[in-house]
Amino acid sequence: MPSLGRVEERYAIDQRFGEIEFPVDHIGLFSSHGEFRHWDGKLSLDPLKPEQTRVDVNVDANSIAMAYEDGTAMLR
């Protein structure tokens, strides 16, 4: 009987169709939002072993951006 081997499907996650955003809490009074503008990711699926599904994302920390320039500078 032949071995089925590994059946893994790999997909690239395109940043044109997603965003990585985050909130920044200011002493519990209000929050600001920011984003990372440059990132890439990969999704690996194994239909025979769905529990081994993996998502790998690489974020360029220097691409952080917030509407408030001083906030961006502080987070860098």
N, C-alpha and C. Protein backbone atom coordinates (compact mmCIF):
# COMPACT_ATOMS: atom_id res chain seq x y z
N MET A 1 0.84 -1.17 0.00
CA MET A 1 0.00 0.00 0.00
C MET A 1 0.89 1.24 0.00
N PRO A 2 0.72 2.15 -0.94
CA PRO A 2 1.57 3.34 -1.02
C PRO A 2 1.28 4.31 0.12
N SER A 3 2.30 5.01 0.53
CA SER A 3 2.17 6.02 1.57
C SER A 3 1.50 7.26 0.99
N LEU A 4 0.58 7.84 1.74
CA LEU A 4 -0.08 9.05 1.28
C LEU A 4 0.82 10.26 1.41
N GLY A 5 1.79 10.18 2.29
CA GLY A 5 2.70 11.31 2.48
C GLY A 5 1.99 12.50 3.11
N ARG A 6 2.65 13.58 3.07
CA ARG A 6 2.10 14.79 3.67
C ARG A 6 1.30 15.57 2.63
N VAL A 7 0.10 15.96 3.00
CA VAL A 7 -0.75 16.75 2.12
C VAL A 7 -0.90 18.11 2.78
N GLU A 8 -0.06 19.03 2.40
CA GLU A 8 -0.11 20.37 2.99
C GLU A 8 -0.36 21.39 1.90
N GLU A 9 -1.24 22.30 2.18
CA GLU A 9 -1.53 23.39 1.25
C GLU A 9 -0.97 24.66 1.85
N ARG A 10 -0.28 25.44 1.03
CA ARG A 10 0.33 26.68 1.51
C ARG A 10 -0.23 27.86 0.74
N TYR A 11 -0.50 28.93 1.47
CA TYR A 11 -1.06 30.13 0.88
C TYR A 11 -0.28 31.34 1.37
N ALA A 12 -0.10 32.31 0.50
CA ALA A 12 0.48 33.59 0.91
C ALA A 12 -0.67 34.50 1.33
N ILE A 13 -0.48 35.24 2.42
CA ILE A 13 -1.47 36.21 2.87
C ILE A 13 -1.06 37.56 2.30
N ASP A 14 -1.91 38.12 1.49
CA ASP A 14 -1.61 39.36 0.76
C ASP A 14 -2.04 40.57 1.58
N GLN A 15 -1.11 41.46 1.90
CA GLN A 15 -1.42 42.60 2.75
C GLN A 15 -2.38 43.59 2.09
N ARG A 16 -2.61 43.46 0.79
CA ARG A 16 -3.59 44.32 0.14
C ARG A 16 -5.01 44.00 0.60
N PHE A 17 -5.20 42.82 1.17
CA PHE A 17 -6.53 42.38 1.56
C PHE A 17 -6.68 42.20 3.06
N GLY A 18 -5.82 42.84 3.82
CA GLY A 18 -5.90 42.74 5.27
C GLY A 18 -5.14 43.87 5.93
N GLU A 19 -5.31 43.98 7.22
CA GLU A 19 -4.64 45.02 8.00
C GLU A 19 -4.21 44.44 9.34
N ILE A 20 -3.15 45.00 9.89
CA ILE A 20 -2.76 44.69 11.26
C ILE A 20 -2.86 46.00 12.02
N GLU A 21 -3.90 46.09 12.84
CA GLU A 21 -4.16 47.30 13.62
C GLU A 21 -4.08 46.99 15.11
N PHE A 22 -3.93 48.04 15.90
CA PHE A 22 -3.86 47.86 17.35
C PHE A 22 -4.38 49.11 18.04
N PRO A 23 -4.91 48.94 19.26
CA PRO A 23 -5.30 50.10 20.07
C PRO A 23 -4.20 50.43 21.08
N VAL A 24 -4.13 51.70 21.46
CA VAL A 24 -3.24 52.13 22.53
C VAL A 24 -4.12 52.82 23.58
N ASP A 25 -4.13 52.26 24.79
CA ASP A 25 -4.95 52.79 25.87
C ASP A 25 -4.23 53.95 26.55
N HIS A 26 -4.95 55.04 26.82
CA HIS A 26 -4.38 56.21 27.48
C HIS A 26 -5.02 56.36 28.86
N ILE A 27 -4.41 55.73 29.84
CA ILE A 27 -4.83 55.81 31.25
C ILE A 27 -6.31 55.44 31.42
N GLY A 28 -6.83 54.65 30.54
CA GLY A 28 -8.22 54.22 30.64
C GLY A 28 -9.24 55.28 30.25
N LEU A 29 -8.78 56.46 29.83
CA LEU A 29 -9.71 57.53 29.48
C LEU A 29 -10.14 57.47 28.02
N PHE A 30 -9.21 57.15 27.14
CA PHE A 30 -9.51 57.03 25.72
C PHE A 30 -8.44 56.18 25.07
N SER A 31 -8.65 55.84 23.83
CA SER A 31 -7.64 55.04 23.13
C SER A 31 -7.39 55.61 21.73
N SER A 32 -6.22 55.32 21.23
CA SER A 32 -5.83 55.69 19.86
C SER A 32 -5.62 54.39 19.10
N HIS A 33 -5.65 54.49 17.80
CA HIS A 33 -5.44 53.31 16.97
C HIS A 33 -4.24 53.53 16.07
N GLY A 34 -3.53 52.45 15.82
CA GLY A 34 -2.39 52.49 14.93
C GLY A 34 -2.40 51.26 14.03
N GLU A 35 -1.43 51.21 13.16
CA GLU A 35 -1.33 50.07 12.25
C GLU A 35 0.12 49.83 11.86
N PHE A 36 0.36 48.64 11.35
CA PHE A 36 1.64 48.31 10.73
C PHE A 36 1.37 48.26 9.23
N ARG A 37 2.10 49.04 8.46
CA ARG A 37 1.83 49.16 7.03
C ARG A 37 2.53 48.10 6.18
N HIS A 38 3.57 47.49 6.71
CA HIS A 38 4.30 46.48 5.92
C HIS A 38 4.41 45.18 6.70
N TRP A 39 3.86 44.14 6.10
CA TRP A 39 3.89 42.81 6.71
C TRP A 39 3.62 41.78 5.63
N ASP A 40 3.92 40.54 5.93
CA ASP A 40 3.57 39.45 5.03
C ASP A 40 3.26 38.22 5.88
N GLY A 41 2.58 37.29 5.28
CA GLY A 41 2.20 36.12 6.04
C GLY A 41 2.00 34.90 5.16
N LYS A 42 1.99 33.75 5.82
CA LYS A 42 1.78 32.47 5.14
C LYS A 42 0.83 31.63 5.99
N LEU A 43 -0.03 30.91 5.30
CA LEU A 43 -0.97 30.01 5.93
C LEU A 43 -0.67 28.61 5.42
N SER A 44 -0.47 27.66 6.34
CA SER A 44 -0.21 26.26 5.98
C SER A 44 -1.35 25.41 6.53
N LEU A 45 -2.03 24.69 5.63
CA LEU A 45 -3.14 23.83 6.01
C LEU A 45 -2.83 22.40 5.66
N ASP A 46 -3.17 21.50 6.55
CA ASP A 46 -3.07 20.07 6.27
C ASP A 46 -4.46 19.50 6.51
N PRO A 47 -5.23 19.24 5.44
CA PRO A 47 -6.59 18.75 5.60
C PRO A 47 -6.70 17.45 6.39
N LEU A 48 -5.64 16.66 6.38
CA LEU A 48 -5.66 15.41 7.14
C LEU A 48 -5.36 15.62 8.62
N LYS A 49 -4.73 16.76 8.95
CA LYS A 49 -4.40 17.08 10.34
C LYS A 49 -4.68 18.56 10.58
N PRO A 50 -5.94 18.97 10.61
CA PRO A 50 -6.27 20.39 10.74
C PRO A 50 -5.73 21.03 12.02
N GLU A 51 -5.48 20.23 13.05
CA GLU A 51 -4.92 20.78 14.29
C GLU A 51 -3.49 21.28 14.11
N GLN A 52 -2.87 20.93 12.99
CA GLN A 52 -1.50 21.39 12.72
C GLN A 52 -1.47 22.60 11.78
N THR A 53 -2.63 23.23 11.56
CA THR A 53 -2.69 24.45 10.75
C THR A 53 -1.80 25.51 11.38
N ARG A 54 -1.06 26.23 10.54
CA ARG A 54 -0.13 27.27 11.02
C ARG A 54 -0.36 28.57 10.27
N VAL A 55 -0.22 29.65 10.99
CA VAL A 55 -0.22 30.99 10.40
C VAL A 55 1.07 31.64 10.85
N ASP A 56 1.89 32.06 9.89
CA ASP A 56 3.14 32.75 10.20
C ASP A 56 3.05 34.16 9.62
N VAL A 57 3.27 35.17 10.46
CA VAL A 57 3.20 36.55 10.02
C VAL A 57 4.49 37.25 10.43
N ASN A 58 5.08 37.97 9.50
CA ASN A 58 6.27 38.78 9.75
C ASN A 58 5.86 40.24 9.64
N VAL A 59 6.12 41.02 10.68
CA VAL A 59 5.74 42.42 10.72
C VAL A 59 6.99 43.28 10.74
N ASP A 60 7.03 44.28 9.87
CA ASP A 60 8.12 45.27 9.87
C ASP A 60 7.77 46.30 10.94
N ALA A 61 8.39 46.21 12.11
CA ALA A 61 8.08 47.10 13.23
C ALA A 61 8.32 48.56 12.88
N ASN A 62 9.22 48.83 11.95
CA ASN A 62 9.48 50.22 11.55
C ASN A 62 8.36 50.81 10.71
N SER A 63 7.40 49.98 10.30
CA SER A 63 6.30 50.49 9.48
C SER A 63 5.11 50.92 10.34
N ILE A 64 5.31 51.04 11.64
CA ILE A 64 4.24 51.46 12.54
C ILE A 64 3.77 52.85 12.17
N ALA A 65 2.47 53.08 12.26
CA ALA A 65 1.91 54.40 11.92
C ALA A 65 0.69 54.67 12.79
N MET A 66 0.61 55.91 13.24
CA MET A 66 -0.55 56.40 13.99
C MET A 66 -0.88 57.78 13.46
N ALA A 67 -2.11 58.22 13.62
CA ALA A 67 -2.50 59.56 13.18
C ALA A 67 -1.73 60.64 13.95
N TYR A 68 -1.39 60.33 15.20
CA TYR A 68 -0.67 61.25 16.06
C TYR A 68 0.83 60.98 15.91
N GLU A 69 1.54 61.89 15.24
CA GLU A 69 2.97 61.68 14.95
C GLU A 69 3.82 61.43 16.19
N ASP A 70 3.54 62.16 17.29
CA ASP A 70 4.31 61.94 18.51
C ASP A 70 4.07 60.54 19.08
N GLY A 71 2.86 60.02 18.89
CA GLY A 71 2.57 58.66 19.32
C GLY A 71 3.37 57.64 18.53
N THR A 72 3.47 57.87 17.23
CA THR A 72 4.28 57.00 16.38
C THR A 72 5.74 57.02 16.83
N ALA A 73 6.27 58.20 17.06
CA ALA A 73 7.67 58.35 17.49
C ALA A 73 7.89 57.66 18.84
N MET A 74 6.93 57.79 19.76
CA MET A 74 7.07 57.18 21.08
C MET A 74 7.10 55.63 20.97
N LEU A 75 6.27 55.07 20.10
CA LEU A 75 6.23 53.62 19.98
C LEU A 75 7.45 53.07 19.24
N ARG A 76 8.09 53.88 18.43
CA ARG A 76 9.30 53.42 17.75
C ARG A 76 10.42 53.36 18.75
